[in-house]
């Protein structure tokens, strides 16, 4: 090097640590191989490195520039990363860097609008976000370039979600489908699955089972291609259930990692068994938030204000049983029994067997028929409270039995306490007596399911669960438990 070279202005060379080509290539490779888990893990483990390097990555390398298809592939990989950060990590940094390629005023305004609407969505102020998102969708019509490729699918996806959460499911279809098509063309499988799932829930909410089933199968295919075989199997199971016509509410059995309907339960040796409630419609988060607000008001003693908020949630999400269930609880607390029963009946109509609705309705009707006084009803609720010491609850039950001998709910709780304190013979004796007087089908199935767990003789156990699984309008989980035990016991006795 000559002496005069020392005085030449040198171009600043980026630190290799900032460029981080090895990490970029690992991310791109995971995207190209459709390996979602690996891509997600790389993003989460290397969030800081990606944020540090992305500004350099946005400059397309020469080897990609020579081929237009490779150049587009390179840009798509960057867009996929930017979308993942915005969607899953709640960071819009990469979109800001990527959209800054054209550095236009419109690009900056769009990015700011996305940050603003994301905050609104997090606060469930979806109605306020809709016109802002729609404005940028409309403005982008006919436009192309990195800003549109990067921000439009996310904007459309957010618009669809806001419509859905605002109770406008029909309006949510078109923007969500457009978002799904765009990310699919960009080769982003993770985002494609996310929007397919949104479309599945939207069409399911609209009662369009065939459309929902089609989307469920597409999700299953993509999960299978990504190597997630159990989850793919569960989505195929759900596609069949939706296409067939889902009940308003049911319990499915999760054996290991796979879901089964009650009539599909396999013989299984695994101890990993769960009973999962499944409604035929998604519960809108906006309605759930209102229910949380209503519960807080109820706990403050503001009963009528709480009911007003629950009614607002019910109007927003007309298929949702939860607001009506909470209204029933408040009305019971207010001694407004007939209003409580009406709310319980609405809950049952929307989701037959929801929570403890059936047993609570039965108790409310006992009060309405003057077969149970309200103070005793409150005492019965205390016997259910596990926070109260067992001996105190047992004493309360014995006291209540003086007034209400052979009252099934009291006998059931008494048996539970005895079983918990290892007095199994006495618990079975009490529950056997309770079965003779049980009028409430929900409670009857719970009695039979719990009795089956205490009985050692397999033949006797089989008789109990056979009776439990066939009770009409019983407790959904207890019925499912009896069905599962019946399948296992029949196989054991047949092969013993």
Protein backbone atom coordinates (compact mmCIF):
# COMPACT_ATOMS: atom_id res chain seq x y z
CA UNK A 1 0.00 0.00 0.00
CA UNK A 2 1.36 3.41 -1.02
CA UNK A 3 1.64 6.28 1.43
CA UNK A 4 -1.06 8.26 -0.35
CA UNK A 5 -3.51 5.36 0.18
CA UNK A 6 -3.52 6.30 3.85
CA UNK A 7 -5.31 9.54 2.98
CA UNK A 8 -8.05 7.87 0.89
CA UNK A 9 -11.53 7.91 2.37
CA UNK A 10 -12.35 4.35 3.33
CA UNK A 11 -15.83 2.87 3.13
CA UNK A 12 -17.04 1.73 6.51
CA UNK A 13 -17.18 -2.06 6.65
CA UNK A 14 -19.86 -3.63 8.78
CA UNK A 15 -18.74 -5.77 11.67
CA UNK A 16 -19.14 -9.45 10.74
CA UNK A 17 -20.91 -9.91 14.07
CA UNK A 18 -23.64 -7.62 12.79
CA UNK A 19 -23.96 -9.37 9.43
CA UNK A 20 -24.20 -12.82 11.05
CA UNK A 21 -24.50 -14.68 7.75
CA UNK A 22 -24.43 -18.09 9.41
CA UNK A 23 -27.55 -17.33 11.46
CA UNK A 24 -29.29 -15.82 8.42
CA UNK A 25 -28.53 -18.95 6.38
CA UNK A 26 -29.83 -21.22 9.17
CA UNK A 27 -33.08 -19.24 9.29
CA UNK A 28 -33.48 -19.26 5.51
CA UNK A 29 -32.76 -22.98 5.40
CA UNK A 30 -35.42 -23.72 8.02
CA UNK A 31 -37.93 -21.66 6.00
CA UNK A 32 -37.06 -23.41 2.73
CA UNK A 33 -37.36 -26.84 4.38
CA UNK A 34 -40.73 -25.86 5.87
CA UNK A 35 -39.38 -26.71 9.33
CA UNK A 36 -41.58 -24.49 11.49
CA UNK A 37 -40.36 -25.67 14.89
CA UNK A 38 -36.71 -25.12 14.00
CA UNK A 39 -37.47 -21.66 12.56
CA UNK A 40 -39.43 -20.63 15.65
CA UNK A 41 -36.70 -21.91 17.97
CA UNK A 42 -34.02 -20.01 16.04
CA UNK A 43 -36.08 -16.81 16.23
CA UNK A 44 -36.75 -17.08 19.95
CA UNK A 45 -33.19 -18.08 20.89
CA UNK A 46 -31.58 -15.43 18.68
CA UNK A 47 -34.01 -12.52 18.94
CA UNK A 48 -31.32 -9.99 19.87
CA UNK A 49 -28.90 -11.19 17.15
CA UNK A 50 -31.62 -11.00 14.50
CA UNK A 51 -32.61 -7.49 15.52
CA UNK A 52 -28.94 -6.48 15.42
CA UNK A 53 -28.26 -8.01 12.00
CA UNK A 54 -31.49 -7.49 10.10
CA UNK A 55 -30.56 -4.04 8.77
CA UNK A 56 -27.64 -5.66 6.94
CA UNK A 57 -29.63 -8.67 5.81
CA UNK A 58 -32.16 -6.46 4.02
CA UNK A 59 -29.47 -5.67 1.39
CA UNK A 60 -29.88 -8.45 -1.17
CA UNK A 61 -26.52 -10.23 -1.78
CA UNK A 62 -25.10 -10.20 -5.31
CA UNK A 63 -25.56 -13.96 -5.79
CA UNK A 64 -29.32 -13.49 -5.26
CA UNK A 65 -29.60 -10.35 -7.40
CA UNK A 66 -28.46 -12.17 -10.54
CA UNK A 67 -31.66 -14.26 -10.59
CA UNK A 68 -35.03 -12.48 -10.17
CA UNK A 69 -36.61 -15.60 -8.64
CA UNK A 70 -33.79 -15.93 -6.11
CA UNK A 71 -34.04 -12.21 -5.31
CA UNK A 72 -37.77 -12.60 -4.63
CA UNK A 73 -37.06 -15.71 -2.52
CA UNK A 74 -34.54 -13.73 -0.47
CA UNK A 75 -37.07 -10.93 0.13
CA UNK A 76 -39.79 -13.45 1.02
CA UNK A 77 -37.57 -15.00 3.70
CA UNK A 78 -37.02 -11.56 5.23
CA UNK A 79 -40.76 -10.87 5.12
CA UNK A 80 -41.46 -14.20 6.85
CA UNK A 81 -39.08 -13.26 9.65
CA UNK A 82 -40.62 -9.79 9.96
CA UNK A 83 -44.13 -11.27 10.08
CA UNK A 84 -43.12 -13.81 12.73
CA UNK A 85 -41.60 -11.12 14.95
CA UNK A 86 -44.70 -8.96 14.61
CA UNK A 87 -47.20 -11.80 15.07
CA UNK A 88 -45.56 -13.98 17.74
CA UNK A 89 -43.00 -11.78 19.50
CA UNK A 90 -45.14 -8.61 19.31
CA UNK A 91 -42.25 -6.65 17.79
CA UNK A 92 -42.64 -4.53 14.68
CA UNK A 93 -38.90 -3.72 14.49
CA UNK A 94 -38.19 -5.91 11.47
CA UNK A 95 -41.11 -4.49 9.52
CA UNK A 96 -39.80 -1.01 10.25
CA UNK A 97 -36.35 -1.97 8.98
CA UNK A 98 -37.65 -3.85 5.94
CA UNK A 99 -40.23 -1.26 4.93
CA UNK A 100 -37.56 1.39 5.32
CA UNK A 101 -36.10 0.14 2.03
CA UNK A 102 -38.17 2.72 0.18
CA UNK A 103 -38.14 5.07 3.20
CA UNK A 104 -41.25 6.86 1.95
CA UNK A 105 -43.56 8.95 4.06
CA UNK A 106 -46.37 6.48 3.30
CA UNK A 107 -44.24 3.60 4.54
CA UNK A 108 -43.48 5.39 7.79
CA UNK A 109 -47.13 6.30 8.32
CA UNK A 110 -48.20 2.69 7.67
CA UNK A 111 -45.67 1.37 10.18
CA UNK A 112 -46.86 3.85 12.79
CA UNK A 113 -50.48 2.84 12.10
CA UNK A 114 -49.57 -0.82 12.62
CA UNK A 115 -47.94 -0.07 15.97
CA UNK A 116 -51.00 1.96 17.00
CA UNK A 117 -53.54 -0.67 15.94
CA UNK A 118 -51.54 -3.49 17.55
CA UNK A 119 -51.83 -1.65 20.87
CA UNK A 120 -55.57 -1.25 20.30
CA UNK A 121 -55.88 -4.97 19.57
CA UNK A 122 -53.96 -5.90 22.70
CA UNK A 123 -56.40 -3.72 24.66
CA UNK A 124 -59.29 -5.32 22.67
CA UNK A 125 -60.31 -1.91 21.29
CA UNK A 126 -60.94 -3.68 18.00
CA UNK A 127 -63.79 -1.45 16.84
CA UNK A 128 -61.40 1.54 16.92
CA UNK A 129 -58.71 -0.36 14.99
CA UNK A 130 -60.97 -1.43 12.10
CA UNK A 131 -61.22 1.92 10.22
CA UNK A 132 -57.45 2.55 10.56
CA UNK A 133 -56.55 -0.89 9.18
CA UNK A 134 -59.15 -0.60 6.42
CA UNK A 135 -57.71 2.79 5.41
CA UNK A 136 -54.26 1.30 4.71
CA UNK A 137 -55.70 -1.73 2.92
CA UNK A 138 -57.61 0.65 0.64
CA UNK A 139 -54.57 2.93 0.13
CA UNK A 140 -52.36 0.00 -0.85
CA UNK A 141 -54.65 -1.14 -3.69
CA UNK A 142 -52.66 -1.32 -6.92
CA UNK A 143 -49.34 -0.73 -5.15
CA UNK A 144 -46.35 -3.09 -5.14
CA UNK A 145 -42.94 -3.20 -3.50
CA UNK A 146 -41.35 -4.28 -0.22
CA UNK A 147 -43.62 -2.14 1.95
CA UNK A 148 -46.78 -3.70 0.51
CA UNK A 149 -45.32 -7.23 0.50
CA UNK A 150 -44.25 -6.82 4.11
CA UNK A 151 -47.12 -4.89 5.69
CA UNK A 152 -50.24 -5.71 3.67
CA UNK A 153 -50.66 -9.38 4.73
CA UNK A 154 -50.26 -8.42 8.38
CA UNK A 155 -52.71 -5.54 7.98
CA UNK A 156 -55.27 -7.79 6.30
CA UNK A 157 -54.81 -10.44 8.98
CA UNK A 158 -55.29 -7.87 11.73
CA UNK A 159 -58.37 -6.48 9.98
CA UNK A 160 -59.90 -9.96 9.78
CA UNK A 161 -59.17 -10.60 13.44
CA UNK A 162 -60.67 -7.26 14.48
CA UNK A 163 -63.84 -7.89 12.49
CA UNK A 164 -64.14 -11.35 14.07
CA UNK A 165 -63.55 -10.13 17.62
CA UNK A 166 -66.07 -7.36 17.03
CA UNK A 167 -68.76 -9.94 16.27
CA UNK A 168 -68.58 -9.35 12.48
CA UNK A 169 -67.57 -12.84 11.41
CA UNK A 170 -68.88 -12.52 7.84
CA UNK A 171 -66.79 -9.39 7.22
CA UNK A 172 -63.72 -11.19 8.59
CA UNK A 173 -63.61 -13.80 5.83
CA UNK A 174 -62.33 -11.75 2.88
CA UNK A 175 -59.35 -9.96 4.51
CA UNK A 176 -58.25 -13.14 6.31
CA UNK A 177 -58.40 -15.16 3.08
CA UNK A 178 -56.36 -12.49 1.28
CA UNK A 179 -53.75 -12.49 4.05
CA UNK A 180 -53.53 -16.29 3.89
CA UNK A 181 -53.08 -16.22 0.09
CA UNK A 182 -50.31 -13.60 0.29
CA UNK A 183 -48.25 -15.35 2.96
CA UNK A 184 -48.73 -18.63 1.11
CA UNK A 185 -47.30 -17.07 -2.07
CA UNK A 186 -44.40 -15.73 0.02
CA UNK A 187 -43.69 -19.26 1.27
CA UNK A 188 -44.43 -18.57 4.94
CA UNK A 189 -45.92 -21.85 6.27
CA UNK A 190 -46.20 -20.66 9.87
CA UNK A 191 -48.25 -17.58 8.94
CA UNK A 192 -50.27 -19.67 6.45
CA UNK A 193 -51.28 -22.07 9.24
CA UNK A 194 -52.14 -19.13 11.52
CA UNK A 195 -54.50 -17.62 8.92
CA UNK A 196 -55.94 -21.02 7.96
CA UNK A 197 -56.79 -21.54 11.61
CA UNK A 198 -58.45 -18.12 11.75
CA UNK A 199 -60.51 -19.02 8.68
CA UNK A 200 -61.43 -22.36 10.26
CA UNK A 201 -62.72 -20.61 13.40
CA UNK A 202 -64.53 -17.91 11.42
CA UNK A 203 -66.43 -20.40 9.23
CA UNK A 204 -67.10 -22.61 12.26
CA UNK A 205 -68.55 -19.59 14.06
CA UNK A 206 -70.75 -18.88 11.03
CA UNK A 207 -72.04 -22.46 11.16
CA UNK A 208 -70.43 -23.31 7.81
CA UNK A 209 -69.17 -26.78 8.71
CA UNK A 210 -67.98 -27.84 5.25
CA UNK A 211 -65.84 -24.74 4.78
CA UNK A 212 -64.42 -25.12 8.30
CA UNK A 213 -63.65 -28.78 7.65
CA UNK A 214 -61.80 -27.89 4.42
CA UNK A 215 -59.57 -25.45 6.30
CA UNK A 216 -58.99 -27.99 9.09
CA UNK A 217 -57.73 -30.50 6.50
CA UNK A 218 -55.41 -27.91 4.97
CA UNK A 219 -53.99 -27.23 8.44
CA UNK A 220 -53.55 -30.97 9.00
CA UNK A 221 -51.70 -31.35 5.68
CA UNK A 222 -49.30 -28.52 6.45
CA UNK A 223 -48.64 -29.79 9.97
CA UNK A 224 -48.01 -33.26 8.58
CA UNK A 225 -45.55 -31.83 6.04
CA UNK A 226 -43.82 -30.02 8.92
CA UNK A 227 -43.44 -33.32 10.79
CA UNK A 228 -46.04 -32.60 13.51
CA UNK A 229 -47.88 -35.90 13.12
CA UNK A 230 -49.97 -35.96 16.32
CA UNK A 231 -51.24 -32.42 15.84
CA UNK A 232 -51.98 -33.20 12.18
CA UNK A 233 -53.99 -36.24 13.30
CA UNK A 234 -55.98 -34.12 15.76
CA UNK A 235 -56.84 -31.60 13.04
CA UNK A 236 -58.04 -34.42 10.76
CA UNK A 237 -60.17 -35.65 13.65
CA UNK A 238 -61.62 -32.17 14.05
CA UNK A 239 -62.27 -31.88 10.31
CA UNK A 240 -64.37 -35.07 10.47
CA UNK A 241 -66.25 -33.82 13.54
CA UNK A 242 -67.04 -30.42 12.01
CA UNK A 243 -68.12 -31.93 8.71
CA UNK A 244 -70.37 -34.41 10.51
CA UNK A 245 -71.91 -31.63 12.62
CA UNK A 246 -70.57 -30.82 16.06
CA UNK A 247 -72.82 -30.75 19.13
CA UNK A 248 -73.07 -27.35 20.79
CA UNK A 249 -70.84 -28.69 23.58
CA UNK A 250 -69.13 -32.04 24.01
CA UNK A 251 -66.26 -33.69 25.81
CA UNK A 252 -63.53 -35.39 23.80
CA UNK A 253 -60.96 -37.73 25.29
CA UNK A 254 -57.28 -37.00 24.87
CA UNK A 255 -55.35 -40.27 25.12
CA UNK A 256 -51.63 -39.52 25.10
CA UNK A 257 -51.44 -36.76 22.50
CA UNK A 258 -54.41 -37.76 20.35
CA UNK A 259 -58.06 -36.71 20.52
CA UNK A 260 -60.96 -39.18 20.30
CA UNK A 261 -64.73 -38.85 20.29
CA UNK A 262 -66.53 -40.93 22.92
CA UNK A 263 -67.53 -43.57 20.37
CA UNK A 264 -63.93 -43.81 19.11
CA UNK A 265 -62.12 -44.36 22.44
CA UNK A 266 -59.38 -46.95 21.94
CA UNK A 267 -58.13 -49.59 24.36
CA UNK A 268 -55.13 -47.89 25.90
CA UNK A 269 -52.44 -48.66 28.46
CA UNK A 270 -51.37 -45.04 28.92
CA UNK A 271 -52.10 -43.19 32.16
CA UNK A 272 -52.06 -39.86 30.30
CA UNK A 273 -55.80 -39.31 29.78
CA UNK A 274 -57.63 -35.97 29.73
CA UNK A 275 -61.27 -35.07 29.26
CA UNK A 276 -61.50 -31.88 27.20
CA UNK A 277 -64.54 -29.63 26.78
CA UNK A 278 -65.09 -28.58 23.17
CA UNK A 279 -67.70 -26.11 22.02
CA UNK A 280 -68.72 -25.87 18.39
CA UNK A 281 -67.77 -22.20 18.30
CA UNK A 282 -64.83 -20.07 19.34
CA UNK A 283 -65.33 -17.77 22.34
CA UNK A 284 -64.56 -14.20 21.31
CA UNK A 285 -61.82 -12.64 23.44
CA UNK A 286 -63.71 -9.36 23.50
CA UNK A 287 -66.63 -11.12 25.20
CA UNK A 288 -64.27 -12.90 27.60
CA UNK A 289 -62.76 -9.55 28.61
CA UNK A 290 -66.23 -8.13 29.28
CA UNK A 291 -67.01 -11.19 31.43
CA UNK A 292 -63.86 -10.54 33.45
CA UNK A 293 -65.00 -6.95 33.98
CA UNK A 294 -68.44 -8.16 35.01
CA UNK A 295 -66.98 -10.60 37.53
CA UNK A 296 -64.89 -7.82 39.05
CA UNK A 297 -68.01 -5.66 39.43
CA UNK A 298 -69.91 -8.56 41.01
CA UNK A 299 -67.10 -9.11 43.51
CA UNK A 300 -67.36 -5.41 44.43
CA UNK A 301 -71.04 -5.91 45.19
CA UNK A 302 -72.21 -4.03 42.07
CA UNK A 303 -74.60 -6.76 40.96
CA UNK A 304 -76.81 -4.85 38.51
CA UNK A 305 -73.80 -3.18 36.89
CA UNK A 306 -72.19 -6.61 36.53
CA UNK A 307 -75.31 -8.00 34.84
CA UNK A 308 -75.32 -5.07 32.40
CA UNK A 309 -71.73 -5.89 31.37
CA UNK A 310 -72.55 -9.61 31.04
CA UNK A 311 -75.51 -8.68 28.83
CA UNK A 312 -73.16 -6.58 26.68
CA UNK A 313 -70.88 -9.63 26.30
CA UNK A 314 -73.85 -11.81 25.40
CA UNK A 315 -74.98 -9.35 22.72
CA UNK A 316 -71.48 -9.25 21.23
CA UNK A 317 -70.97 -13.03 21.24
CA UNK A 318 -74.48 -14.42 20.80
CA UNK A 319 -73.43 -18.08 20.91
CA UNK A 320 -71.44 -17.76 24.14
CA UNK A 321 -72.96 -19.45 27.24
CA UNK A 322 -70.55 -17.86 29.73
CA UNK A 323 -72.23 -14.45 30.15
CA UNK A 324 -75.60 -16.11 30.84
CA UNK A 325 -74.01 -18.51 33.33
CA UNK A 326 -72.54 -15.54 35.22
CA UNK A 327 -75.86 -13.69 35.10
CA UNK A 328 -77.50 -16.74 36.71
CA UNK A 329 -74.88 -16.73 39.49
CA UNK A 330 -75.46 -13.03 40.21
CA UNK A 331 -79.24 -13.42 40.20
CA UNK A 332 -78.96 -16.36 42.61
CA UNK A 333 -76.87 -14.19 44.92
CA UNK A 334 -79.59 -11.52 44.72
CA UNK A 335 -82.29 -14.12 45.61
CA UNK A 336 -83.87 -13.48 42.19
CA UNK A 337 -84.49 -17.17 41.62
CA UNK A 338 -86.80 -17.03 38.59
CA UNK A 339 -84.38 -14.73 36.73
CA UNK A 340 -81.52 -17.06 37.66
CA UNK A 341 -83.40 -20.09 36.34
CA UNK A 342 -84.12 -18.25 33.06
CA UNK A 343 -80.40 -17.46 32.68
CA UNK A 344 -79.48 -21.06 33.48
CA UNK A 345 -81.94 -22.26 30.84
CA UNK A 346 -80.36 -19.96 28.25
CA UNK A 347 -76.92 -21.30 29.22
CA UNK A 348 -78.14 -24.88 28.78
CA UNK A 349 -79.70 -24.04 25.40
CA UNK A 350 -76.42 -22.55 24.13
CA UNK A 351 -74.15 -25.25 25.58
CA UNK A 352 -75.94 -28.29 27.06
CA UNK A 353 -73.99 -29.49 30.10
CA UNK A 354 -71.90 -26.32 30.47
CA UNK A 355 -69.86 -26.15 33.70
CA UNK A 356 -72.16 -27.05 36.67
CA UNK A 357 -75.22 -25.52 35.01
CA UNK A 358 -77.43 -28.61 35.26
CA UNK A 359 -76.90 -29.23 38.97
CA UNK A 360 -77.14 -25.52 39.79
CA UNK A 361 -80.40 -25.30 37.85
CA UNK A 362 -81.76 -28.27 39.80
CA UNK A 363 -80.88 -26.59 43.11
CA UNK A 364 -82.44 -23.30 41.96
CA UNK A 365 -85.65 -25.14 41.10
CA UNK A 366 -85.69 -26.74 44.55
CA UNK A 367 -85.66 -23.23 46.04
CA UNK A 368 -88.39 -22.05 43.65
CA UNK A 369 -90.54 -25.06 44.68
CA UNK A 370 -89.96 -24.31 48.40
CA UNK A 371 -88.14 -27.61 48.84
CA UNK A 372 -84.95 -25.83 49.91
CA UNK A 373 -84.60 -22.52 51.74
CA UNK A 374 -82.05 -19.97 50.60
CA UNK A 375 -79.90 -20.05 53.75
CA UNK A 376 -79.54 -23.82 53.45
CA UNK A 377 -78.60 -23.38 49.77
CA UNK A 378 -75.76 -21.07 50.85
CA UNK A 379 -74.66 -23.65 53.44
CA UNK A 380 -74.64 -26.37 50.77
CA UNK A 381 -72.31 -24.22 48.67
CA UNK A 382 -69.93 -24.01 51.65
CA UNK A 383 -69.81 -27.81 51.86
CA UNK A 384 -68.37 -27.81 48.32
CA UNK A 385 -65.59 -25.36 49.20
CA UNK A 386 -62.32 -27.31 49.54
CA UNK A 387 -60.76 -24.33 51.33
CA UNK A 388 -62.97 -25.13 54.34
CA UNK A 389 -61.43 -27.90 56.53
CA UNK A 390 -62.97 -31.35 55.93
CA UNK A 391 -64.11 -31.77 59.54
CA UNK A 392 -65.94 -28.40 59.41
CA UNK A 393 -67.70 -29.33 56.19
CA UNK A 394 -68.66 -32.73 57.57
CA UNK A 395 -70.14 -31.09 60.68
CA UNK A 396 -72.10 -28.65 58.48
CA UNK A 397 -73.44 -31.54 56.37
CA UNK A 398 -74.54 -33.43 59.49
CA UNK A 399 -76.33 -30.29 60.68
CA UNK A 400 -78.08 -29.78 57.32
CA UNK A 401 -79.15 -33.44 57.22
CA UNK A 402 -81.26 -32.81 60.30
CA UNK A 403 -83.42 -30.52 58.18
CA UNK A 404 -83.00 -32.24 54.79
CA UNK A 405 -82.50 -35.98 55.33
CA UNK A 406 -81.42 -37.95 52.23
CA UNK A 407 -80.74 -34.74 50.27
CA UNK A 408 -78.61 -36.07 47.41
CA UNK A 409 -76.19 -33.16 47.10
CA UNK A 410 -75.36 -33.41 50.81
CA UNK A 411 -74.82 -37.17 50.57
CA UNK A 412 -72.56 -36.70 47.56
CA UNK A 413 -70.37 -34.14 49.33
CA UNK A 414 -70.31 -36.30 52.47
CA UNK A 415 -69.09 -39.27 50.44
CA UNK A 416 -66.38 -37.16 48.79
CA UNK A 417 -65.04 -36.07 52.18
CA UNK A 418 -65.07 -39.67 53.47
CA UNK A 419 -63.31 -40.90 50.33
CA UNK A 420 -60.71 -38.15 50.67
CA UNK A 421 -60.07 -39.18 54.29
CA UNK A 422 -59.53 -42.81 53.11
CA UNK A 423 -62.82 -44.13 54.57
CA UNK A 424 -63.74 -45.87 51.32
CA UNK A 425 -66.32 -48.39 52.67
CA UNK A 426 -68.32 -45.64 54.38
CA UNK A 427 -68.04 -43.38 51.30
CA UNK A 428 -69.46 -46.16 49.08
CA UNK A 429 -72.25 -46.76 51.57
CA UNK A 430 -73.22 -43.07 51.56
CA UNK A 431 -73.06 -42.83 47.76
CA UNK A 432 -75.15 -45.99 47.32
CA UNK A 433 -77.82 -44.37 49.47
CA UNK A 434 -77.53 -41.15 47.44
CA UNK A 435 -78.14 -43.03 44.19
CA UNK A 436 -81.49 -44.26 45.47
CA UNK A 437 -82.80 -40.70 45.85
CA UNK A 438 -80.88 -38.94 43.03
CA UNK A 439 -83.19 -36.87 40.80
CA UNK A 440 -80.47 -34.69 39.26
CA UNK A 441 -78.97 -36.53 36.25
CA UNK A 442 -75.79 -34.45 36.40
CA UNK A 443 -75.19 -35.45 40.02
CA UNK A 444 -76.13 -39.07 39.31
CA UNK A 445 -73.37 -39.45 36.71
CA UNK A 446 -70.83 -37.83 39.05
CA UNK A 447 -71.86 -40.29 41.77
CA UNK A 448 -71.42 -43.28 39.44
CA UNK A 449 -68.06 -42.09 38.08
CA UNK A 450 -66.67 -41.46 41.56
CA UNK A 451 -68.02 -44.79 42.88
CA UNK A 452 -66.31 -46.63 40.03
CA UNK A 453 -62.96 -45.23 41.10
CA UNK A 454 -63.43 -46.64 44.63
CA UNK A 455 -64.61 -50.13 43.66
CA UNK A 456 -61.89 -52.78 43.26
CA UNK A 457 -63.92 -55.62 41.74
CA UNK A 458 -63.75 -55.19 37.96
CA UNK A 459 -67.10 -56.83 37.23
CA UNK A 460 -68.85 -54.54 39.71
CA UNK A 461 -66.91 -51.55 38.38
CA UNK A 462 -68.03 -52.41 34.83
CA UNK A 463 -71.70 -52.42 35.92
CA UNK A 464 -71.30 -49.00 37.53
CA UNK A 465 -69.66 -47.34 34.52
CA UNK A 466 -72.12 -49.00 32.12
CA UNK A 467 -74.92 -47.31 34.06
CA UNK A 468 -73.03 -43.99 34.17
CA UNK A 469 -72.30 -43.75 30.46
CA UNK A 470 -75.99 -44.21 29.55
CA UNK A 471 -77.51 -41.54 31.83
CA UNK A 472 -79.34 -38.95 29.71
CA UNK A 473 -78.30 -35.32 30.18
CA UNK A 474 -75.70 -36.23 32.77
CA UNK A 475 -72.47 -34.49 33.65
CA UNK A 476 -70.40 -34.44 30.45
CA UNK A 477 -67.02 -35.20 32.06
CA UNK A 478 -68.43 -37.93 34.30
CA UNK A 479 -70.18 -39.51 31.30
CA UNK A 480 -66.95 -39.41 29.29
CA UNK A 481 -65.03 -40.92 32.19
CA UNK A 482 -67.54 -43.78 32.48
CA UNK A 483 -67.33 -44.37 28.72
CA UNK A 484 -63.53 -44.48 28.82
CA UNK A 485 -63.46 -46.87 31.82
CA UNK A 486 -66.12 -49.07 30.22
CA UNK A 487 -63.98 -49.56 27.08
CA UNK A 488 -60.89 -50.42 29.14
CA UNK A 489 -62.71 -52.76 31.56
CA UNK A 490 -64.55 -54.63 28.82
CA UNK A 491 -61.23 -55.37 27.14
CA UNK A 492 -59.57 -56.41 30.41
CA UNK A 493 -62.38 -58.80 31.37
CA UNK A 494 -62.57 -60.25 27.86
CA UNK A 495 -58.84 -61.00 27.88
CA UNK A 496 -58.51 -62.11 31.52
